[in-house]
PDB file of N, CA and C in Angstrom:
ATOM      1  N   MET A   1       2.603 -32.080  -9.146  1.00  0.00           N
ATOM      2  CA  MET A   1       2.897 -31.072 -11.038  1.00  0.00           C
ATOM      3  C   MET A   1       2.858 -29.565 -10.585  1.00  0.00           C
ATOM      4  N   ASN A   2       3.389 -28.889 -10.713  1.00  0.00           N
ATOM      5  CA  ASN A   2       3.241 -27.675 -10.452  1.00  0.00           C
ATOM      6  C   ASN A   2       3.416 -26.803 -11.649  1.00  0.00           C
ATOM      7  N   GLN A   3       2.394 -26.119 -11.704  1.00  0.00           N
ATOM      8  CA  GLN A   3       2.078 -25.094 -12.959  1.00  0.00           C
ATOM      9  C   GLN A   3       3.399 -23.879 -13.237  1.00  0.00           C
ATOM     10  N   SER A   4       3.710 -23.346 -14.085  1.00  0.00           N
ATOM     11  CA  SER A   4       4.735 -22.229 -14.137  1.00  0.00           C
ATOM     12  C   SER A   4       3.894 -20.919 -13.863  1.00  0.00           C
ATOM     13  N   PRO A   5       4.423 -19.849 -13.330  1.00  0.00           N
ATOM     14  CA  PRO A   5       3.756 -18.580 -13.341  1.00  0.00           C
ATOM     15  C   PRO A   5       3.308 -18.193 -14.415  1.00  0.00           C
ATOM     16  N   ALA A   6       2.433 -17.237 -14.430  1.00  0.00           N
ATOM     17  CA  ALA A   6       1.321 -17.026 -15.650  1.00  0.00           C
ATOM     18  C   ALA A   6       2.393 -15.994 -16.194  1.00  0.00           C
ATOM     19  N   GLY A   7       2.404 -16.079 -17.787  1.00  0.00           N
ATOM     20  CA  GLY A   7       3.113 -15.240 -18.600  1.00  0.00           C
ATOM     21  C   GLY A   7       4.313 -16.372 -18.853  1.00  0.00           C
ATOM     22  N   LEU A   8       4.894 -17.277 -18.348  1.00  0.00           N
ATOM     23  CA  LEU A   8       6.026 -18.179 -18.775  1.00  0.00           C
ATOM     24  C   LEU A   8       5.123 -19.467 -19.686  1.00  0.00           C
ATOM     25  N   ASN A   9       5.644 -19.811 -20.870  1.00  0.00           N
ATOM     26  CA  ASN A   9       5.521 -20.682 -21.403  1.00  0.00           C
ATOM     27  C   ASN A   9       6.065 -21.958 -21.255  1.00  0.00           C
ATOM     28  N   SER A  10       5.980 -22.648 -20.216  1.00  0.00           N
ATOM     29  CA  SER A  10       6.965 -23.818 -20.080  1.00  0.00           C
ATOM     30  C   SER A  10       6.122 -25.001 -20.213  1.00  0.00           C
ATOM     31  N   LYS A  11       7.051 -26.207 -19.768  1.00  0.00           N
ATOM     32  CA  LYS A  11       5.880 -27.489 -19.146  1.00  0.00           C
ATOM     33  C   LYS A  11       5.837 -27.454 -17.940  1.00  0.00           C
ATOM     34  N   PRO A  12       5.192 -28.121 -17.573  1.00  0.00           N
ATOM     35  CA  PRO A  12       4.666 -28.492 -16.188  1.00  0.00           C
ATOM     36  C   PRO A  12       6.035 -29.295 -15.311  1.00  0.00           C
ATOM     37  N   HIS A  13       6.308 -28.978 -13.992  1.00  0.00           N
ATOM     38  CA  HIS A  13       7.283 -29.635 -13.426  1.00  0.00           C
ATOM     39  C   HIS A  13       7.059 -30.799 -12.580  1.00  0.00           C
ATOM     40  N   TYR A  14       7.404 -31.790 -12.187  1.00  0.00           N
ATOM     41  CA  TYR A  14       7.360 -33.462 -11.910  1.00  0.00           C
ATOM     42  C   TYR A  14       8.463 -33.185 -10.983  1.00  0.00           C
ATOM     43  N   GLU A  15       7.698 -33.129  -9.605  1.00  0.00           N
ATOM     44  CA  GLU A  15       8.298 -33.038  -8.334  1.00  0.00           C
ATOM     45  C   GLU A  15       8.610 -34.340  -8.381  1.00  0.00           C
ATOM     46  N   ILE A  16       7.944 -35.438  -8.569  1.00  0.00           N
ATOM     47  CA  ILE A  16       8.274 -36.964  -8.138  1.00  0.00           C
ATOM     48  C   ILE A  16       9.238 -37.208  -8.625  1.00  0.00           C
ATOM     49  N   LEU A  17       9.838 -36.697  -9.901  1.00  0.00           N
ATOM     50  CA  LEU A  17      10.978 -36.981 -10.894  1.00  0.00           C
ATOM     51  C   LEU A  17      12.294 -36.542  -9.998  1.00  0.00           C
ATOM     52  N   ASP A  18      12.009 -35.228  -9.700  1.00  0.00           N
ATOM     53  CA  ASP A  18      13.139 -34.761  -8.520  1.00  0.00           C
ATOM     54  C   ASP A  18      13.392 -35.471  -7.465  1.00  0.00           C
ATOM     55  N   GLY A  19      12.351 -35.902  -6.723  1.00  0.00           N
ATOM     56  CA  GLY A  19      12.239 -36.976  -5.561  1.00  0.00           C
ATOM     57  C   GLY A  19      13.108 -38.353  -5.865  1.00  0.00           C
ATOM     58  N   LEU A  20      12.863 -39.029  -6.948  1.00  0.00           N
ATOM     59  CA  LEU A  20      13.155 -40.555  -7.280  1.00  0.00           C
ATOM     60  C   LEU A  20      15.051 -39.878  -7.274  1.00  0.00           C
ATOM     61  N   ARG A  21      15.333 -39.063  -8.295  1.00  0.00           N
ATOM     62  CA  ARG A  21      16.497 -38.484  -8.344  1.00  0.00           C
ATOM     63  C   ARG A  21      17.242 -38.192  -6.995  1.00  0.00           C
ATOM     64  N   GLY A  22      16.731 -37.556  -6.084  1.00  0.00           N
ATOM     65  CA  GLY A  22      17.238 -37.456  -4.514  1.00  0.00           C
ATOM     66  C   GLY A  22      17.236 -38.697  -4.037  1.00  0.00           C
ATOM     67  N   VAL A  23      16.232 -39.932  -4.135  1.00  0.00           N
ATOM     68  CA  VAL A  23      16.384 -41.165  -3.147  1.00  0.00           C
ATOM     69  C   VAL A  23      17.692 -42.124  -4.223  1.00  0.00           C
ATOM     70  N   ALA A  24      17.881 -41.667  -5.300  1.00  0.00           N
ATOM     71  CA  ALA A  24      18.733 -42.318  -6.040  1.00  0.00           C
ATOM     72  C   ALA A  24      20.254 -41.867  -5.664  1.00  0.00           C
ATOM     73  N   ALA A  25      20.403 -40.771  -5.567  1.00  0.00           N
ATOM     74  CA  ALA A  25      21.626 -39.772  -4.930  1.00  0.00           C
ATOM     75  C   ALA A  25      21.700 -40.494  -3.781  1.00  0.00           C
ATOM     76  N   ILE A  26      20.923 -40.398  -2.535  1.00  0.00           N
ATOM     77  CA  ILE A  26      21.009 -41.115  -1.492  1.00  0.00           C
ATOM     78  C   ILE A  26      21.271 -42.415  -1.194  1.00  0.00           C
ATOM     79  N   ILE A  27      20.492 -43.145  -2.158  1.00  0.00           N
ATOM     80  CA  ILE A  27      21.365 -44.493  -2.021  1.00  0.00           C
ATOM     81  C   ILE A  27      22.652 -44.944  -2.702  1.00  0.00           C
ATOM     82  N   VAL A  28      23.080 -44.179  -3.467  1.00  0.00           N
ATOM     83  CA  VAL A  28      24.498 -44.485  -3.756  1.00  0.00           C
ATOM     84  C   VAL A  28      25.258 -44.062  -2.691  1.00  0.00           C
ATOM     85  N   LEU A  29      24.483 -42.686  -2.097  1.00  0.00           N
ATOM     86  CA  LEU A  29      25.908 -42.212  -0.858  1.00  0.00           C
ATOM     87  C   LEU A  29      25.603 -43.116   0.039  1.00  0.00           C
ATOM     88  N   ALA A  30      24.752 -43.869   0.313  1.00  0.00           N
ATOM     89  CA  ALA A  30      24.759 -44.953   1.283  1.00  0.00           C
ATOM     90  C   ALA A  30      25.844 -45.926   1.056  1.00  0.00           C
ATOM     91  N   PHE A  31      25.504 -46.346  -0.025  1.00  0.00           N
ATOM     92  CA  PHE A  31      26.416 -47.562  -0.492  1.00  0.00           C
ATOM     93  C   PHE A  31      27.503 -47.652  -0.313  1.00  0.00           C
ATOM     94  N   HIS A  32      28.043 -46.442  -0.883  1.00  0.00           N
ATOM     95  CA  HIS A  32      29.598 -45.800  -0.504  1.00  0.00           C
ATOM     96  C   HIS A  32      30.141 -45.639   0.818  1.00  0.00           C
ATOM     97  N   LEU A  33      29.461 -45.464   1.502  1.00  0.00           N
ATOM     98  CA  LEU A  33      29.467 -45.421   3.189  1.00  0.00           C
ATOM     99  C   LEU A  33      29.646 -46.568   3.862  1.00  0.00           C
ATOM    100  N   LEU A  34      28.563 -47.441   3.176  1.00  0.00           N
ATOM    101  CA  LEU A  34      28.735 -49.031   3.840  1.00  0.00           C
ATOM    102  C   LEU A  34      29.522 -49.739   3.269  1.00  0.00           C
ATOM    103  N   GLU A  35      29.694 -49.426   1.715  1.00  0.00           N
ATOM    104  CA  GLU A  35      30.972 -50.470   1.300  1.00  0.00           C
ATOM    105  C   GLU A  35      32.201 -50.245   2.196  1.00  0.00           C
ATOM    106  N   ALA A  36      32.517 -49.102   2.583  1.00  0.00           N
ATOM    107  CA  ALA A  36      33.647 -48.922   3.187  1.00  0.00           C
ATOM    108  C   ALA A  36      33.888 -49.712   4.361  1.00  0.00           C
ATOM    109  N   HIS A  37      32.868 -49.886   4.926  1.00  0.00           N
ATOM    110  CA  HIS A  37      32.900 -51.029   6.466  1.00  0.00           C
ATOM    111  C   HIS A  37      32.342 -52.612   6.185  1.00  0.00           C
ATOM    112  N   ALA A  38      32.316 -53.074   4.949  1.00  0.00           N
ATOM    113  CA  ALA A  38      32.011 -54.042   4.727  1.00  0.00           C
ATOM    114  C   ALA A  38      33.334 -55.249   4.411  1.00  0.00           C
ATOM    115  N   THR A  39      33.420 -56.455   5.012  1.00  0.00           N
ATOM    116  CA  THR A  39      34.316 -57.414   5.068  1.00  0.00           C
ATOM    117  C   THR A  39      34.494 -58.316   3.949  1.00  0.00           C
ATOM    118  N   ASN A  40      33.044 -58.605   3.283  1.00  0.00           N
ATOM    119  CA  ASN A  40      32.999 -59.181   1.934  1.00  0.00           C
ATOM    120  C   ASN A  40      31.901 -58.847   1.513  1.00  0.00           C
ATOM    121  N   ALA A  41      31.428 -59.556   0.553  1.00  0.00           N
ATOM    122  CA  ALA A  41      30.071 -59.283  -0.464  1.00  0.00           C
ATOM    123  C   ALA A  41      28.843 -59.757   0.489  1.00  0.00           C
ATOM    124  N   PHE A  42      29.017 -60.521   1.313  1.00  0.00           N
ATOM    125  CA  PHE A  42      27.675 -60.811   2.331  1.00  0.00           C
ATOM    126  C   PHE A  42      27.556 -60.180   3.238  1.00  0.00           C
ATOM    127  N   THR A  43      28.437 -59.207   3.996  1.00  0.00           N
ATOM    128  CA  THR A  43      28.196 -57.905   4.955  1.00  0.00           C
ATOM    129  C   THR A  43      27.833 -56.880   4.418  1.00  0.00           C
ATOM    130  N   GLN A  44      27.801 -56.854   2.976  1.00  0.00           N
ATOM    131  CA  GLN A  44      27.506 -55.380   2.265  1.00  0.00           C
ATOM    132  C   GLN A  44      25.831 -55.237   2.891  1.00  0.00           C
ATOM    133  N   ILE A  45      25.256 -54.077   3.270  1.00  0.00           N
ATOM    134  CA  ILE A  45      23.991 -53.635   3.464  1.00  0.00           C
ATOM    135  C   ILE A  45      23.415 -53.485   1.881  1.00  0.00           C
ATOM    136  N   ILE A  46      24.012 -52.865   1.076  1.00  0.00           N
ATOM    137  CA  ILE A  46      23.423 -52.194  -0.136  1.00  0.00           C
ATOM    138  C   ILE A  46      23.775 -53.527  -1.256  1.00  0.00           C
ATOM    139  N   ASN A  47      23.602 -54.183  -1.522  1.00  0.00           N
ATOM    140  CA  ASN A  47      24.259 -54.772  -2.462  1.00  0.00           C
ATOM    141  C   ASN A  47      24.545 -54.206  -3.653  1.00  0.00           C
ATOM    142  N   HIS A  48      23.509 -53.806  -4.512  1.00  0.00           N
ATOM    143  CA  HIS A  48      23.548 -53.352  -5.740  1.00  0.00           C
ATOM    144  C   HIS A  48      22.961 -51.897  -6.021  1.00  0.00           C
ATOM    145  N   GLY A  49      23.617 -51.403  -5.078  1.00  0.00           N
ATOM    146  CA  GLY A  49      23.654 -49.803  -4.963  1.00  0.00           C
ATOM    147  C   GLY A  49      24.180 -49.030  -6.221  1.00  0.00           C
ATOM    148  N   TYR A  50      25.150 -49.268  -6.460  1.00  0.00           N
ATOM    149  CA  TYR A  50      25.600 -48.718  -7.603  1.00  0.00           C
ATOM    150  C   TYR A  50      24.774 -48.787  -9.263  1.00  0.00           C
ATOM    151  N   LEU A  51      23.335 -49.647  -9.090  1.00  0.00           N
ATOM    152  CA  LEU A  51      22.565 -49.355  -9.791  1.00  0.00           C
ATOM    153  C   LEU A  51      21.913 -48.157 -10.058  1.00  0.00           C
ATOM    154  N   ALA A  52      22.063 -47.543  -8.882  1.00  0.00           N
ATOM    155  CA  ALA A  52      21.051 -46.284  -8.273  1.00  0.00           C
ATOM    156  C   ALA A  52      21.639 -45.328  -9.566  1.00  0.00           C
ATOM    157  N   VAL A  53      23.286 -44.962  -9.691  1.00  0.00           N
ATOM    158  CA  VAL A  53      23.719 -44.050 -10.452  1.00  0.00           C
ATOM    159  C   VAL A  53      22.882 -44.356 -11.718  1.00  0.00           C
ATOM    160  N   ASP A  54      22.889 -45.553 -12.568  1.00  0.00           N
ATOM    161  CA  ASP A  54      22.317 -45.697 -13.892  1.00  0.00           C
ATOM    162  C   ASP A  54      20.808 -45.375 -13.579  1.00  0.00           C
ATOM    163  N   PHE A  55      20.045 -45.445 -12.604  1.00  0.00           N
ATOM    164  CA  PHE A  55      18.840 -44.644 -12.380  1.00  0.00           C
ATOM    165  C   PHE A  55      18.767 -43.366 -12.567  1.00  0.00           C
ATOM    166  N   PHE A  56      19.770 -42.613 -11.624  1.00  0.00           N
ATOM    167  CA  PHE A  56      19.934 -41.438 -11.641  1.00  0.00           C
ATOM    168  C   PHE A  56      20.271 -40.866 -13.119  1.00  0.00           C
ATOM    169  N   PHE A  57      21.193 -41.419 -13.825  1.00  0.00           N
ATOM    170  CA  PHE A  57      21.625 -40.579 -15.203  1.00  0.00           C
ATOM    171  C   PHE A  57      20.221 -40.745 -15.974  1.00  0.00           C
ATOM    172  N   LEU A  58      19.841 -42.022 -16.056  1.00  0.00           N
ATOM    173  CA  LEU A  58      18.463 -42.187 -16.853  1.00  0.00           C
ATOM    174  C   LEU A  58      17.409 -40.983 -16.592  1.00  0.00           C
ATOM    175  N   LEU A  59      17.135 -41.157 -15.282  1.00  0.00           N
ATOM    176  CA  LEU A  59      15.809 -39.899 -14.937  1.00  0.00           C
ATOM    177  C   LEU A  59      16.490 -38.704 -15.535  1.00  0.00           C
ATOM    178  N   SER A  60      18.102 -38.186 -14.983  1.00  0.00           N
ATOM    179  CA  SER A  60      18.775 -36.895 -15.780  1.00  0.00           C
ATOM    180  C   SER A  60      18.338 -36.674 -17.073  1.00  0.00           C
ATOM    181  N   GLY A  61      18.628 -37.637 -17.832  1.00  0.00           N
ATOM    182  CA  GLY A  61      18.684 -37.596 -19.366  1.00  0.00           C
ATOM    183  C   GLY A  61      17.093 -37.359 -19.627  1.00  0.00           C
ATOM    184  N   PHE A  62      16.322 -37.915 -19.087  1.00  0.00           N
ATOM    185  CA  PHE A  62      15.068 -37.580 -19.393  1.00  0.00           C
ATOM    186  C   PHE A  62      14.623 -36.319 -19.308  1.00  0.00           C
ATOM    187  N   VAL A  63      14.959 -35.880 -17.678  1.00  0.00           N
ATOM    188  CA  VAL A  63      14.531 -34.557 -17.532  1.00  0.00           C
ATOM    189  C   VAL A  63      14.962 -33.377 -18.452  1.00  0.00           C
ATOM    190  N   VAL A  64      16.486 -33.532 -18.992  1.00  0.00           N
ATOM    191  CA  VAL A  64      16.841 -32.456 -19.911  1.00  0.00           C
ATOM    192  C   VAL A  64      16.313 -32.772 -20.996  1.00  0.00           C
ATOM    193  N   GLY A  65      15.950 -34.060 -21.555  1.00  0.00           N
ATOM    194  CA  GLY A  65      15.429 -34.219 -22.833  1.00  0.00           C
ATOM    195  C   GLY A  65      13.928 -33.439 -22.842  1.00  0.00           C
ATOM    196  N   TYR A  66      13.223 -33.802 -21.701  1.00  0.00           N
ATOM    197  CA  TYR A  66      11.840 -33.203 -21.323  1.00  0.00           C
ATOM    198  C   TYR A  66      11.809 -31.777 -21.354  1.00  0.00           C
ATOM    199  N   ALA A  67      12.807 -31.060 -20.944  1.00  0.00           N
ATOM    200  CA  ALA A  67      12.705 -29.440 -20.700  1.00  0.00           C
ATOM    201  C   ALA A  67      13.188 -28.907 -22.356  1.00  0.00           C
ATOM    202  N   TYR A  68      13.733 -29.351 -23.079  1.00  0.00           N
ATOM    203  CA  TYR A  68      14.418 -29.028 -23.892  1.00  0.00           C
ATOM    204  C   TYR A  68      13.844 -29.425 -25.044  1.00  0.00           C
ATOM    205  N   ASP A  69      12.900 -30.586 -25.268  1.00  0.00           N
ATOM    206  CA  ASP A  69      12.048 -30.667 -26.571  1.00  0.00           C
ATOM    207  C   ASP A  69      11.492 -29.868 -27.508  1.00  0.00           C
ATOM    208  N   ASP A  70      10.824 -28.998 -27.096  1.00  0.00           N
ATOM    209  CA  ASP A  70      10.202 -28.225 -27.511  1.00  0.00           C
ATOM    210  C   ASP A  70      11.167 -27.237 -28.343  1.00  0.00           C
ATOM    211  N   ARG A  71      12.359 -26.898 -27.784  1.00  0.00           N
ATOM    212  CA  ARG A  71      13.455 -25.624 -27.821  1.00  0.00           C
ATOM    213  C   ARG A  71      14.547 -25.657 -28.901  1.00  0.00           C
ATOM    214  N   TRP A  72      14.713 -27.191 -29.736  1.00  0.00           N
ATOM    215  CA  TRP A  72      15.645 -27.449 -30.299  1.00  0.00           C
ATOM    216  C   TRP A  72      15.510 -26.653 -31.666  1.00  0.00           C
ATOM    217  N   GLY A  73      14.382 -26.262 -32.607  1.00  0.00           N
ATOM    218  CA  GLY A  73      14.652 -25.610 -33.738  1.00  0.00           C
ATOM    219  C   GLY A  73      15.157 -24.080 -33.103  1.00  0.00           C
ATOM    220  N   LYS A  74      14.434 -23.663 -31.996  1.00  0.00           N
ATOM    221  CA  LYS A  74      15.032 -21.948 -31.341  1.00  0.00           C
ATOM    222  C   LYS A  74      16.079 -22.017 -31.248  1.00  0.00           C
ATOM    223  N   MET A  75      16.980 -23.218 -31.027  1.00  0.00           N
ATOM    224  CA  MET A  75      18.581 -23.103 -30.546  1.00  0.00           C
ATOM    225  C   MET A  75      19.630 -22.663 -31.806  1.00  0.00           C
ATOM    226  N   SER A  76      20.211 -22.234 -31.284  1.00  0.00           N
ATOM    227  CA  SER A  76      21.382 -21.774 -32.265  1.00  0.00           C
ATOM    228  C   SER A  76      22.637 -22.177 -32.007  1.00  0.00           C
ATOM    229  N   SER A  77      23.261 -22.992 -32.955  1.00  0.00           N
ATOM    230  CA  SER A  77      24.637 -23.687 -32.717  1.00  0.00           C
ATOM    231  C   SER A  77      26.062 -22.335 -32.035  1.00  0.00           C
TER     232      SER A  77
END
């Protein structure tokens, strides 16, 4: 967890969430690459790699919500 530079009032940044999003993106990439070479469902190496897309979007939604949680009142439409 990194703290922001002095003078900026922002929330801490969690690198683990970025790492998990990166792993999910790599799993989706591997799923698509290996899916092209699979002849049937039994020869596919990563069978449920598509679930990493849901995990990626879930984490991204949390990160965006966490970042803007204390700013909703300050934002204008």
